[in-house]
All heavy atoms as atom14 arrays in JSON, in Angstrom:
{
  "sequence": "KDEQLTIDQQSYNAIHGALRCLGERANSLLKTTYRALRR",
  "atom14_mask": [
    [1, 1, 1, 1, 1, 1, 1, 1, 1, 0, 0, 0, 0, 0],
    [1, 1, 1, 1, 1, 1, 1, 1, 0, 0, 0, 0, 0, 0],
    [1, 1, 1, 1, 1, 1, 1, 1, 1, 0, 0, 0, 0, 0],
    [1, 1, 1, 1, 1, 1, 1, 1, 1, 0, 0, 0, 0, 0],
    [1, 1, 1, 1, 1, 1, 1, 1, 0, 0, 0, 0, 0, 0],
    [1, 1, 1, 1, 1, 1, 1, 0, 0, 0, 0, 0, 0, 0],
    [1, 1, 1, 1, 1, 1, 1, 1, 0, 0, 0, 0, 0, 0],
    [1, 1, 1, 1, 1, 1, 1, 1, 0, 0, 0, 0, 0, 0],
    [1, 1, 1, 1, 1, 1, 1, 1, 1, 0, 0, 0, 0, 0],
    [1, 1, 1, 1, 1, 1, 1, 1, 1, 0, 0, 0, 0, 0],
    [1, 1, 1, 1, 1, 1, 0, 0, 0, 0, 0, 0, 0, 0],
    [1, 1, 1, 1, 1, 1, 1, 1, 1, 1, 1, 1, 0, 0],
    [1, 1, 1, 1, 1, 1, 1, 1, 0, 0, 0, 0, 0, 0],
    [1, 1, 1, 1, 1, 0, 0, 0, 0, 0, 0, 0, 0, 0],
    [1, 1, 1, 1, 1, 1, 1, 1, 0, 0, 0, 0, 0, 0],
    [1, 1, 1, 1, 1, 1, 1, 1, 1, 1, 0, 0, 0, 0],
    [1, 1, 1, 1, 0, 0, 0, 0, 0, 0, 0, 0, 0, 0],
    [1, 1, 1, 1, 1, 0, 0, 0, 0, 0, 0, 0, 0, 0],
    [1, 1, 1, 1, 1, 1, 1, 1, 0, 0, 0, 0, 0, 0],
    [1, 1, 1, 1, 1, 1, 1, 1, 1, 1, 1, 0, 0, 0],
    [1, 1, 1, 1, 1, 1, 0, 0, 0, 0, 0, 0, 0, 0],
    [1, 1, 1, 1, 1, 1, 1, 1, 0, 0, 0, 0, 0, 0],
    [1, 1, 1, 1, 0, 0, 0, 0, 0, 0, 0, 0, 0, 0],
    [1, 1, 1, 1, 1, 1, 1, 1, 1, 0, 0, 0, 0, 0],
    [1, 1, 1, 1, 1, 1, 1, 1, 1, 1, 1, 0, 0, 0],
    [1, 1, 1, 1, 1, 0, 0, 0, 0, 0, 0, 0, 0, 0],
    [1, 1, 1, 1, 1, 1, 1, 1, 0, 0, 0, 0, 0, 0],
    [1, 1, 1, 1, 1, 1, 0, 0, 0, 0, 0, 0, 0, 0],
    [1, 1, 1, 1, 1, 1, 1, 1, 0, 0, 0, 0, 0, 0],
    [1, 1, 1, 1, 1, 1, 1, 1, 0, 0, 0, 0, 0, 0],
    [1, 1, 1, 1, 1, 1, 1, 1, 1, 0, 0, 0, 0, 0],
    [1, 1, 1, 1, 1, 1, 1, 0, 0, 0, 0, 0, 0, 0],
    [1, 1, 1, 1, 1, 1, 1, 0, 0, 0, 0, 0, 0, 0],
    [1, 1, 1, 1, 1, 1, 1, 1, 1, 1, 1, 1, 0, 0],
    [1, 1, 1, 1, 1, 1, 1, 1, 1, 1, 1, 0, 0, 0],
    [1, 1, 1, 1, 1, 0, 0, 0, 0, 0, 0, 0, 0, 0],
    [1, 1, 1, 1, 1, 1, 1, 1, 0, 0, 0, 0, 0, 0],
    [1, 1, 1, 1, 1, 1, 1, 1, 1, 1, 1, 0, 0, 0],
    [1, 1, 1, 1, 1, 1, 1, 1, 1, 1, 1, 0, 0, 0]
  ],
  "atom14_positions": [
    [[-0.52, -15.71, 31.51], [0.6, -15.52, 32.52], [0.34, -16.59, 33.6], [-0.74, -16.83, 34.16], [0.56, -14.19, 33.14], [1.66, -13.96, 34.12], [1.7, -12.54, 34.61], [2.82, -12.31, 35.61], [2.83, -10.89, 36.12], [0.0, 0.0, 0.0], [0.0, 0.0, 0.0], [0.0, 0.0, 0.0], [0.0, 0.0, 0.0], [0.0, 0.0, 0.0]],
    [[1.37, -17.33, 33.87], [1.4, -18.37, 34.91], [0.41, -19.54, 34.64], [-0.02, -20.3, 35.55], [1.1, -17.84, 36.33], [2.06, -16.75, 36.73], [3.26, -16.85, 36.39], [1.64, -15.72, 37.41], [0.0, 0.0, 0.0], [0.0, 0.0, 0.0], [0.0, 0.0, 0.0], [0.0, 0.0, 0.0], [0.0, 0.0, 0.0], [0.0, 0.0, 0.0]],
    [[0.0, -19.69, 33.42], [-0.88, -20.79, 33.06], [-0.25, -21.5, 31.8], [0.64, -21.0, 31.14], [-2.3, -20.26, 32.77], [-3.01, -19.75, 34.01], [-4.45, -19.29, 33.7], [-4.96, -19.83, 32.73], [-4.95, -18.52, 34.38], [0.0, 0.0, 0.0], [0.0, 0.0, 0.0], [0.0, 0.0, 0.0], [0.0, 0.0, 0.0], [0.0, 0.0, 0.0]],
    [[-0.9, -22.64, 31.43], [-0.48, -23.4, 30.28], [-1.68, -23.42, 29.21], [-2.85, -23.35, 29.58], [-0.14, -24.84, 30.63], [1.12, -24.89, 31.52], [2.33, -24.46, 30.84], [2.5, -24.59, 29.63], [3.24, -23.88, 31.67], [0.0, 0.0, 0.0], [0.0, 0.0, 0.0], [0.0, 0.0, 0.0], [0.0, 0.0, 0.0], [0.0, 0.0, 0.0]],
    [[-1.28, -23.46, 28.0], [-2.34, -23.53, 26.96], [-2.93, -24.98, 27.07], [-2.3, -25.98, 27.37], [-1.76, -23.34, 25.64], [-1.23, -21.92, 25.24], [-0.53, -21.98, 23.89], [-2.31, -20.95, 25.29], [0.0, 0.0, 0.0], [0.0, 0.0, 0.0], [0.0, 0.0, 0.0], [0.0, 0.0, 0.0], [0.0, 0.0, 0.0], [0.0, 0.0, 0.0]],
    [[-4.19, -25.05, 26.76], [-4.92, -26.38, 26.7], [-4.41, -27.19, 25.45], [-3.76, -26.6, 24.56], [-6.39, -26.22, 26.62], [-6.75, -25.62, 25.35], [-6.9, -25.33, 27.74], [0.0, 0.0, 0.0], [0.0, 0.0, 0.0], [0.0, 0.0, 0.0], [0.0, 0.0, 0.0], [0.0, 0.0, 0.0], [0.0, 0.0, 0.0], [0.0, 0.0, 0.0]],
    [[-4.73, -28.4, 25.39], [-4.27, -29.3, 24.3], [-4.96, -28.73, 22.98], [-4.3, -28.63, 21.93], [-4.73, -30.73, 24.53], [-3.95, -31.32, 25.78], [-4.44, -31.59, 23.3], [-2.47, -31.39, 25.63], [0.0, 0.0, 0.0], [0.0, 0.0, 0.0], [0.0, 0.0, 0.0], [0.0, 0.0, 0.0], [0.0, 0.0, 0.0], [0.0, 0.0, 0.0]],
    [[-6.2, -28.28, 23.06], [-6.86, -27.76, 21.92], [-6.19, -26.52, 21.48], [-5.94, -26.31, 20.21], [-8.28, -27.53, 22.28], [-9.17, -28.79, 22.35], [-8.64, -29.84, 21.92], [-10.28, -28.74, 22.92], [0.0, 0.0, 0.0], [0.0, 0.0, 0.0], [0.0, 0.0, 0.0], [0.0, 0.0, 0.0], [0.0, 0.0, 0.0], [0.0, 0.0, 0.0]],
    [[-5.83, -25.68, 22.34], [-5.11, -24.51, 22.02], [-3.76, -24.68, 21.39], [-3.34, -24.0, 20.45], [-4.98, -23.54, 23.2], [-6.29, -22.93, 23.72], [-6.15, -22.17, 24.94], [-5.31, -22.53, 25.88], [-6.92, -21.08, 25.16], [0.0, 0.0, 0.0], [0.0, 0.0, 0.0], [0.0, 0.0, 0.0], [0.0, 0.0, 0.0], [0.0, 0.0, 0.0]],
    [[-3.07, -25.69, 21.94], [-1.73, -26.04, 21.34], [-1.87, -26.63, 19.98], [-1.07, -26.25, 19.14], [-1.05, -26.99, 22.29], [-0.64, -26.48, 23.71], [-0.04, -27.64, 24.53], [0.64, -28.52, 24.08], [-0.22, -27.46, 25.85], [0.0, 0.0, 0.0], [0.0, 0.0, 0.0], [0.0, 0.0, 0.0], [0.0, 0.0, 0.0], [0.0, 0.0, 0.0]],
    [[-2.9, -27.4, 19.77], [-3.13, -27.99, 18.44], [-3.52, -26.86, 17.48], [-3.07, -26.84, 16.27], [-4.28, -28.96, 18.48], [-3.92, -30.03, 19.33], [0.0, 0.0, 0.0], [0.0, 0.0, 0.0], [0.0, 0.0, 0.0], [0.0, 0.0, 0.0], [0.0, 0.0, 0.0], [0.0, 0.0, 0.0], [0.0, 0.0, 0.0], [0.0, 0.0, 0.0]],
    [[-4.39, -25.87, 17.93], [-4.76, -24.73, 17.06], [-3.51, -23.96, 16.7], [-3.3, -23.61, 15.51], [-5.76, -23.83, 17.83], [-6.02, -22.57, 17.15], [-6.95, -22.48, 16.17], [-5.33, -21.39, 17.56], [-7.23, -21.24, 15.53], [-5.55, -20.23, 16.98], [-6.49, -20.1, 15.89], [-6.8, -18.88, 15.32], [0.0, 0.0, 0.0], [0.0, 0.0, 0.0]],
    [[-2.62, -23.69, 17.64], [-1.43, -22.88, 17.42], [-0.45, -23.64, 16.43], [0.19, -23.06, 15.53], [-0.7, -22.64, 18.7], [-1.34, -21.43, 19.47], [-2.29, -20.93, 18.96], [-0.78, -21.16, 20.63], [0.0, 0.0, 0.0], [0.0, 0.0, 0.0], [0.0, 0.0, 0.0], [0.0, 0.0, 0.0], [0.0, 0.0, 0.0], [0.0, 0.0, 0.0]],
    [[-0.43, -24.92, 16.56], [0.36, -25.7, 15.6], [-0.03, -25.7, 14.21], [0.76, -25.48, 13.29], [0.51, -27.21, 16.05], [0.0, 0.0, 0.0], [0.0, 0.0, 0.0], [0.0, 0.0, 0.0], [0.0, 0.0, 0.0], [0.0, 0.0, 0.0], [0.0, 0.0, 0.0], [0.0, 0.0, 0.0], [0.0, 0.0, 0.0], [0.0, 0.0, 0.0]],
    [[-1.32, -25.75, 13.96], [-1.89, -25.63, 12.65], [-1.71, -24.28, 12.09], [-1.38, -24.01, 10.98], [-3.43, -26.05, 12.66], [-3.57, -27.57, 13.01], [-4.05, -25.82, 11.32], [-4.98, -27.95, 13.32], [0.0, 0.0, 0.0], [0.0, 0.0, 0.0], [0.0, 0.0, 0.0], [0.0, 0.0, 0.0], [0.0, 0.0, 0.0], [0.0, 0.0, 0.0]],
    [[-2.05, -23.28, 12.99], [-1.95, -21.81, 12.6], [-0.56, -21.55, 12.17], [-0.23, -20.91, 11.14], [-2.33, -20.97, 13.79], [-2.38, -19.52, 13.46], [-1.32, -18.71, 13.41], [-3.5, -18.69, 13.22], [-1.65, -17.47, 13.06], [-2.96, -17.39, 12.95], [0.0, 0.0, 0.0], [0.0, 0.0, 0.0], [0.0, 0.0, 0.0], [0.0, 0.0, 0.0]],
    [[0.47, -22.02, 13.0], [1.84, -21.77, 12.67], [2.3, -22.37, 11.38], [3.05, -21.84, 10.64], [0.0, 0.0, 0.0], [0.0, 0.0, 0.0], [0.0, 0.0, 0.0], [0.0, 0.0, 0.0], [0.0, 0.0, 0.0], [0.0, 0.0, 0.0], [0.0, 0.0, 0.0], [0.0, 0.0, 0.0], [0.0, 0.0, 0.0], [0.0, 0.0, 0.0]],
    [[1.82, -23.62, 11.14], [2.24, -24.29, 9.9], [1.72, -23.58, 8.7], [2.37, -23.53, 7.6], [1.67, -25.68, 9.92], [0.0, 0.0, 0.0], [0.0, 0.0, 0.0], [0.0, 0.0, 0.0], [0.0, 0.0, 0.0], [0.0, 0.0, 0.0], [0.0, 0.0, 0.0], [0.0, 0.0, 0.0], [0.0, 0.0, 0.0], [0.0, 0.0, 0.0]],
    [[0.53, -22.92, 8.78], [-0.02, -22.18, 7.71], [0.65, -20.76, 7.55], [1.0, -20.3, 6.5], [-1.56, -22.01, 7.8], [-2.34, -23.33, 7.77], [-3.8, -22.98, 8.09], [-2.22, -23.93, 6.4], [0.0, 0.0, 0.0], [0.0, 0.0, 0.0], [0.0, 0.0, 0.0], [0.0, 0.0, 0.0], [0.0, 0.0, 0.0], [0.0, 0.0, 0.0]],
    [[0.79, -20.14, 8.75], [1.29, -18.77, 8.77], [2.69, -18.66, 8.35], [3.2, -17.62, 7.77], [1.09, -18.17, 10.05], [1.24, -16.58, 10.14], [1.38, -16.12, 11.63], [2.57, -16.5, 12.26], [2.75, -17.35, 13.21], [1.59, -17.94, 13.7], [3.89, -17.61, 13.79], [0.0, 0.0, 0.0], [0.0, 0.0, 0.0], [0.0, 0.0, 0.0]],
    [[3.56, -19.65, 8.7], [5.0, -19.52, 8.53], [5.36, -19.42, 7.05], [6.42, -18.88, 6.72], [5.67, -20.78, 9.12], [5.41, -22.35, 8.23], [0.0, 0.0, 0.0], [0.0, 0.0, 0.0], [0.0, 0.0, 0.0], [0.0, 0.0, 0.0], [0.0, 0.0, 0.0], [0.0, 0.0, 0.0], [0.0, 0.0, 0.0], [0.0, 0.0, 0.0]],
    [[4.46, -19.82, 6.22], [4.75, -19.65, 4.73], [4.8, -18.26, 4.27], [5.31, -17.86, 3.27], [3.69, -20.42, 3.88], [3.75, -21.96, 3.99], [2.58, -22.59, 3.25], [5.08, -22.56, 3.54], [0.0, 0.0, 0.0], [0.0, 0.0, 0.0], [0.0, 0.0, 0.0], [0.0, 0.0, 0.0], [0.0, 0.0, 0.0], [0.0, 0.0, 0.0]],
    [[4.2, -17.28, 5.15], [4.25, -15.92, 4.85], [5.68, -15.43, 4.93], [6.03, -14.37, 4.27], [0.0, 0.0, 0.0], [0.0, 0.0, 0.0], [0.0, 0.0, 0.0], [0.0, 0.0, 0.0], [0.0, 0.0, 0.0], [0.0, 0.0, 0.0], [0.0, 0.0, 0.0], [0.0, 0.0, 0.0], [0.0, 0.0, 0.0], [0.0, 0.0, 0.0]],
    [[6.57, -16.02, 5.72], [7.94, -15.61, 5.74], [8.66, -15.82, 4.4], [9.62, -15.19, 4.01], [8.69, -16.46, 6.78], [8.17, -16.24, 8.22], [8.59, -14.9, 8.75], [9.49, -14.21, 8.2], [7.98, -14.4, 9.74], [0.0, 0.0, 0.0], [0.0, 0.0, 0.0], [0.0, 0.0, 0.0], [0.0, 0.0, 0.0], [0.0, 0.0, 0.0]],
    [[8.05, -16.72, 3.57], [8.58, -16.99, 2.3], [8.53, -15.71, 1.38], [9.44, -15.49, 0.56], [7.96, -18.18, 1.63], [8.44, -18.42, 0.18], [7.7, -19.59, -0.51], [8.23, -19.93, -1.75], [7.6, -19.44, -2.9], [6.41, -18.69, -2.78], [8.0, -19.71, -4.1], [0.0, 0.0, 0.0], [0.0, 0.0, 0.0], [0.0, 0.0, 0.0]],
    [[7.43, -15.02, 1.54], [7.24, -13.8, 0.71], [8.3, -12.79, 1.02], [8.95, -12.25, 0.17], [5.84, -13.27, 1.04], [0.0, 0.0, 0.0], [0.0, 0.0, 0.0], [0.0, 0.0, 0.0], [0.0, 0.0, 0.0], [0.0, 0.0, 0.0], [0.0, 0.0, 0.0], [0.0, 0.0, 0.0], [0.0, 0.0, 0.0], [0.0, 0.0, 0.0]],
    [[8.6, -12.55, 2.29], [9.66, -11.59, 2.71], [11.02, -12.09, 2.19], [11.81, -11.29, 1.65], [9.66, -11.43, 4.21], [8.35, -10.9, 4.8], [7.54, -10.33, 4.0], [8.13, -11.21, 6.05], [0.0, 0.0, 0.0], [0.0, 0.0, 0.0], [0.0, 0.0, 0.0], [0.0, 0.0, 0.0], [0.0, 0.0, 0.0], [0.0, 0.0, 0.0]],
    [[11.25, -13.35, 2.4], [12.54, -13.97, 1.96], [12.75, -13.92, 0.46], [13.79, -13.61, -0.07], [12.67, -15.36, 2.48], [13.9, -15.96, 1.98], [0.0, 0.0, 0.0], [0.0, 0.0, 0.0], [0.0, 0.0, 0.0], [0.0, 0.0, 0.0], [0.0, 0.0, 0.0], [0.0, 0.0, 0.0], [0.0, 0.0, 0.0], [0.0, 0.0, 0.0]],
    [[11.66, -14.18, -0.28], [11.68, -14.18, -1.71], [12.12, -12.82, -2.25], [12.92, -12.64, -3.17], [10.4, -14.63, -2.29], [10.32, -14.84, -3.79], [11.3, -15.96, -4.2], [8.87, -15.27, -4.21], [0.0, 0.0, 0.0], [0.0, 0.0, 0.0], [0.0, 0.0, 0.0], [0.0, 0.0, 0.0], [0.0, 0.0, 0.0], [0.0, 0.0, 0.0]],
    [[11.52, -11.78, -1.66], [11.85, -10.43, -2.15], [13.3, -10.07, -1.87], [14.01, -9.56, -2.66], [10.97, -9.4, -1.47], [9.53, -9.31, -2.04], [8.58, -8.54, -1.03], [9.49, -8.74, -3.38], [0.0, 0.0, 0.0], [0.0, 0.0, 0.0], [0.0, 0.0, 0.0], [0.0, 0.0, 0.0], [0.0, 0.0, 0.0], [0.0, 0.0, 0.0]],
    [[13.76, -10.38, -0.66], [15.12, -10.04, -0.22], [16.19, -10.86, -0.87], [17.3, -10.37, -1.13], [15.24, -10.1, 1.36], [14.46, -9.04, 2.06], [14.6, -9.17, 3.56], [13.8, -8.1, 4.27], [13.95, -8.2, 5.72], [0.0, 0.0, 0.0], [0.0, 0.0, 0.0], [0.0, 0.0, 0.0], [0.0, 0.0, 0.0], [0.0, 0.0, 0.0]],
    [[15.93, -12.19, -1.09], [16.97, -13.0, -1.74], [17.04, -12.76, -3.27], [18.13, -12.88, -3.77], [16.69, -14.45, -1.4], [15.4, -14.83, -1.92], [16.8, -14.81, 0.06], [0.0, 0.0, 0.0], [0.0, 0.0, 0.0], [0.0, 0.0, 0.0], [0.0, 0.0, 0.0], [0.0, 0.0, 0.0], [0.0, 0.0, 0.0], [0.0, 0.0, 0.0]],
    [[15.99, -12.45, -3.84], [15.9, -12.11, -5.25], [16.56, -10.8, -5.56], [17.42, -10.66, -6.48], [14.53, -12.14, -5.85], [13.92, -13.42, -5.56], [14.61, -11.94, -7.34], [0.0, 0.0, 0.0], [0.0, 0.0, 0.0], [0.0, 0.0, 0.0], [0.0, 0.0, 0.0], [0.0, 0.0, 0.0], [0.0, 0.0, 0.0], [0.0, 0.0, 0.0]],
    [[16.25, -9.81, -4.72], [16.77, -8.45, -4.95], [17.66, -8.02, -3.8], [17.21, -7.64, -2.68], [15.61, -7.49, -5.17], [14.72, -7.95, -6.26], [13.47, -8.45, -6.0], [15.19, -7.82, -7.58], [12.71, -8.86, -7.12], [14.45, -8.21, -8.65], [13.14, -8.74, -8.43], [12.39, -9.21, -9.45], [0.0, 0.0, 0.0], [0.0, 0.0, 0.0]],
    [[18.96, -8.1, -3.98], [19.93, -7.79, -2.96], [19.84, -6.41, -2.41], [20.21, -6.12, -1.21], [21.33, -8.05, -3.47], [22.46, -7.93, -2.42], [23.77, -8.43, -3.07], [23.76, -9.8, -3.32], [24.79, -10.48, -3.83], [25.96, -9.84, -4.11], [24.64, -11.7, -4.14], [0.0, 0.0, 0.0], [0.0, 0.0, 0.0], [0.0, 0.0, 0.0]],
    [[19.3, -5.48, -3.23], [19.22, -4.05, -2.79], [18.29, -3.91, -1.59], [18.3, -2.95, -0.95], [18.73, -3.18, -3.97], [0.0, 0.0, 0.0], [0.0, 0.0, 0.0], [0.0, 0.0, 0.0], [0.0, 0.0, 0.0], [0.0, 0.0, 0.0], [0.0, 0.0, 0.0], [0.0, 0.0, 0.0], [0.0, 0.0, 0.0], [0.0, 0.0, 0.0]],
    [[17.38, -4.9, -1.4], [16.46, -4.83, -0.25], [17.03, -5.38, 0.99], [16.37, -5.27, 2.03], [15.17, -5.64, -0.62], [14.41, -5.23, -1.89], [13.12, -6.11, -1.93], [14.12, -3.84, -1.95], [0.0, 0.0, 0.0], [0.0, 0.0, 0.0], [0.0, 0.0, 0.0], [0.0, 0.0, 0.0], [0.0, 0.0, 0.0], [0.0, 0.0, 0.0]],
    [[18.2, -5.85, 0.98], [18.83, -6.36, 2.21], [19.41, -5.26, 3.07], [19.4, -5.37, 4.23], [19.96, -7.33, 1.91], [19.46, -8.59, 1.12], [20.57, -9.51, 0.73], [20.17, -10.44, -0.34], [20.98, -11.31, -0.85], [22.23, -11.39, -0.48], [20.58, -12.06, -1.77], [0.0, 0.0, 0.0], [0.0, 0.0, 0.0], [0.0, 0.0, 0.0]],
    [[19.89, -4.18, 2.41], [20.38, -3.07, 3.17], [20.33, -1.91, 2.2], [20.93, -1.87, 1.16], [21.75, -3.24, 3.66], [22.33, -2.16, 4.56], [23.7, -2.31, 4.94], [24.16, -1.3, 5.82], [24.36, -1.44, 7.21], [24.12, -2.7, 7.62], [24.78, -0.56, 7.96], [0.0, 0.0, 0.0], [0.0, 0.0, 0.0], [0.0, 0.0, 0.0]]
  ]
}
């Protein structure tokens, strides 16, 4: 709160986000393949 992330922390978050975002593919793959899971 009221502070900024350091350059190292920002770099860590960028790498972490690039790896973690692929997890969204798992959720999307299930829902796009099987329409019954959308609602």
